[in-house]
């Protein structure tokens, strides 16, 4: 019964792993999820790659928004993403309505966890976590950032790009 539930929720099989995907495939799928949501954000925000991390059978990709999202615009930003994820068939698992550090947690139909969280200075973080998949080597994302790459810079700087819309009211 547990294996049937596992398969129904995340498509996993053979020891809890999805036999139809390896870690590179999961990383590519994560990039597609991130690309899609960032294309929906209008006006466009500038973003950079956050770290890619791998576990024993999973992979996570992150995009860090370098555009300042002011406190006055955070609700609009979160609402836009929430609507897009729902329209895409994602299940919203939780919403953190904290005024300073709100977040949305969702799951795709194929078992990928998707998060938007707002951190200090209005910096938005998008992260996608894969379900358990077959182990493989994972290459860096082939999607170029739409601003500076910040290669070998960790941690990334606080948001430093002003948008007339997204940064309205930010000091």
Protein backbone atom coordinates (compact mmCIF):
# COMPACT_ATOMS: atom_id res chain seq x y z
CA UNK A 1 0.00 0.00 0.00
CA UNK A 2 2.79 2.45 0.92
CA UNK A 3 4.56 1.83 -2.39
CA UNK A 4 1.31 2.45 -4.27
CA UNK A 5 0.89 5.76 -2.42
CA UNK A 6 4.54 6.64 -3.13
CA UNK A 7 4.05 5.89 -6.82
CA UNK A 8 0.82 7.86 -6.95
CA UNK A 9 2.34 10.92 -5.27
CA UNK A 10 5.75 11.17 -6.88
CA UNK A 11 5.96 8.55 -9.59
CA UNK A 12 8.65 6.69 -7.67
CA UNK A 13 9.26 2.99 -8.08
CA UNK A 14 12.08 0.52 -7.51
CA UNK A 15 13.21 1.37 -4.00
CA UNK A 16 11.44 4.71 -3.85
CA UNK A 17 13.25 6.14 -6.89
CA UNK A 18 11.69 7.27 -10.13
CA UNK A 19 13.04 4.85 -12.69
CA UNK A 20 12.13 7.19 -15.55
CA UNK A 21 14.50 10.02 -14.58
CA UNK A 22 18.06 10.51 -13.38
CA UNK A 23 19.48 13.47 -11.43
CA UNK A 24 20.48 15.36 -14.60
CA UNK A 25 16.97 14.91 -15.97
CA UNK A 26 15.60 16.17 -12.66
CA UNK A 27 17.93 19.18 -12.78
CA UNK A 28 16.75 19.93 -16.33
CA UNK A 29 13.12 19.63 -15.22
CA UNK A 30 13.84 21.96 -12.28
CA UNK A 31 15.39 24.49 -14.68
CA UNK A 32 12.26 24.32 -16.85
CA UNK A 33 10.03 24.96 -13.83
CA UNK A 34 12.18 27.94 -12.79
CA UNK A 35 12.39 29.31 -16.35
CA UNK A 36 8.60 29.14 -16.68
CA UNK A 37 7.78 31.00 -13.47
CA UNK A 38 10.37 33.72 -14.08
CA UNK A 39 8.97 34.27 -17.60
CA UNK A 40 5.58 34.95 -15.97
CA UNK A 41 6.88 37.73 -13.75
CA UNK A 42 6.05 41.05 -15.43
CA UNK A 43 7.74 43.44 -15.30
CA UNK A 44 10.76 41.19 -15.50
CA UNK A 45 13.06 40.82 -12.49
CA UNK A 46 16.79 40.29 -12.66
CA UNK A 47 17.97 36.95 -11.24
CA UNK A 48 21.10 34.91 -10.73
CA UNK A 49 21.71 31.22 -10.12
CA UNK A 50 21.81 30.11 -6.53
CA UNK A 51 23.58 26.91 -5.59
CA UNK A 52 22.70 23.54 -7.06
CA UNK A 53 22.71 20.84 -4.43
CA UNK A 54 22.51 17.09 -4.73
CA UNK A 55 21.62 14.44 -2.21
CA UNK A 56 21.82 10.68 -2.51
CA UNK A 57 18.89 10.63 -4.95
CA UNK A 58 17.64 14.19 -5.37
CA UNK A 59 18.69 17.53 -6.75
CA UNK A 60 17.77 21.14 -5.96
CA UNK A 61 18.12 24.21 -8.12
CA UNK A 62 17.75 27.80 -6.95
CA UNK A 63 17.31 31.17 -8.59
CA UNK A 64 17.93 34.30 -6.54
CA UNK A 65 16.10 37.47 -7.53
CA UNK A 66 18.46 40.44 -7.56
CA UNK A 67 15.65 42.96 -8.08
CA UNK A 68 14.45 44.57 -4.87
CA UNK A 69 10.85 43.55 -4.16
CA UNK A 70 9.53 46.21 -1.78
CA UNK A 71 7.27 45.40 1.16
CA UNK A 72 4.48 47.19 -0.73
CA UNK A 73 4.90 44.89 -3.77
CA UNK A 74 5.53 41.53 -2.06
CA UNK A 75 1.86 40.62 -1.98
CA UNK A 76 1.57 41.28 -5.72
CA UNK A 77 4.72 39.26 -6.41
CA UNK A 78 3.55 36.30 -4.32
CA UNK A 79 0.04 36.50 -5.79
CA UNK A 80 1.32 36.46 -9.36
CA UNK A 81 3.42 33.36 -8.66
CA UNK A 82 0.62 31.64 -6.71
CA UNK A 83 -1.82 32.15 -9.60
CA UNK A 84 0.69 30.87 -12.15
CA UNK A 85 1.49 27.76 -10.13
CA UNK A 86 -2.22 26.99 -9.62
CA UNK A 87 -2.90 27.54 -13.34
CA UNK A 88 -0.02 25.14 -14.05
CA UNK A 89 -1.70 22.45 -11.96
CA UNK A 90 0.63 22.70 -8.97
CA UNK A 91 -0.80 21.90 -5.55
CA UNK A 92 -0.22 24.67 -3.02
CA UNK A 93 0.96 22.83 0.09
CA UNK A 94 1.44 25.79 2.44
CA UNK A 95 1.59 29.57 2.56
CA UNK A 96 3.56 31.51 5.13
CA UNK A 97 1.88 34.91 5.50
CA UNK A 98 4.64 36.43 7.64
CA UNK A 99 4.89 40.13 6.85
CA UNK A 100 8.68 40.15 6.61
CA UNK A 101 9.50 36.69 5.22
CA UNK A 102 6.46 35.30 3.37
CA UNK A 103 6.67 32.09 1.36
CA UNK A 104 4.65 29.75 -0.85
CA UNK A 105 5.29 25.99 -0.96
CA UNK A 106 3.87 23.97 -3.84
CA UNK A 107 4.24 20.61 -5.56
CA UNK A 108 4.07 19.78 -9.24
CA UNK A 109 2.03 16.85 -10.49
CA UNK A 110 5.26 14.91 -11.05
CA UNK A 111 6.44 15.36 -7.46
CA UNK A 112 8.81 18.33 -7.60
CA UNK A 113 8.70 20.66 -4.60
CA UNK A 114 8.59 24.34 -5.56
CA UNK A 115 9.18 27.23 -3.18
CA UNK A 116 9.10 31.00 -3.38
CA UNK A 117 10.41 32.70 -0.26
CA UNK A 118 11.14 36.33 0.45
CA UNK A 119 14.19 37.06 2.59
CA UNK A 120 16.02 40.10 3.87
CA UNK A 121 15.84 43.35 1.94
CA UNK A 122 13.01 41.94 -0.18
CA UNK A 123 15.17 39.32 -1.89
CA UNK A 124 13.10 36.56 -3.49
CA UNK A 125 14.34 32.99 -3.73
CA UNK A 126 12.87 30.36 -6.04
CA UNK A 127 13.85 26.77 -5.30
CA UNK A 128 12.88 23.46 -6.90
CA UNK A 129 13.57 20.14 -5.19
CA UNK A 130 13.26 16.90 -7.13
CA UNK A 131 11.71 13.68 -5.95
CA UNK A 132 14.08 10.75 -5.48
CA UNK A 133 15.53 9.77 -8.88
CA UNK A 134 18.33 7.61 -10.24
CA UNK A 135 21.80 8.83 -9.29
CA UNK A 136 23.86 10.57 -11.97
CA UNK A 137 26.27 13.42 -12.51
CA UNK A 138 24.60 16.85 -12.56
CA UNK A 139 25.90 19.65 -14.77
CA UNK A 140 25.42 23.31 -13.98
CA UNK A 141 22.32 24.91 -15.44
CA UNK A 142 22.54 25.83 -19.10
CA UNK A 143 20.05 28.70 -18.65
CA UNK A 144 22.06 31.94 -18.50
CA UNK A 145 21.05 34.45 -15.82
CA UNK A 146 19.52 37.69 -17.09
CA UNK A 147 22.06 39.77 -15.17
CA UNK A 148 25.50 39.25 -13.64
CA UNK A 149 26.42 35.59 -13.18
CA UNK A 150 28.16 36.08 -9.80
CA UNK A 151 30.35 33.08 -10.56
CA UNK A 152 32.30 31.87 -7.52
CA UNK A 153 30.51 34.41 -5.31
CA UNK A 154 28.87 32.99 -2.21
CA UNK A 155 26.76 34.14 -0.66
CA UNK A 156 25.19 36.23 -3.39
CA UNK A 157 24.81 39.92 -2.61
CA UNK A 158 21.55 41.34 -1.31
CA UNK A 159 19.17 42.55 -4.03
CA UNK A 160 20.72 45.54 -5.76
CA UNK A 161 18.60 46.15 -8.86
CA UNK A 162 15.88 48.80 -8.74
CA UNK A 163 12.61 48.32 -10.61
CA UNK A 164 10.18 51.21 -10.91
CA UNK A 165 7.39 48.71 -10.26
CA UNK A 166 8.74 45.95 -7.99
CA UNK A 167 10.89 48.25 -5.87
CA UNK A 168 8.26 50.99 -5.43
CA UNK A 169 8.42 52.34 -1.88
CA UNK A 170 11.67 50.57 -0.99
CA UNK A 171 14.25 52.69 0.77
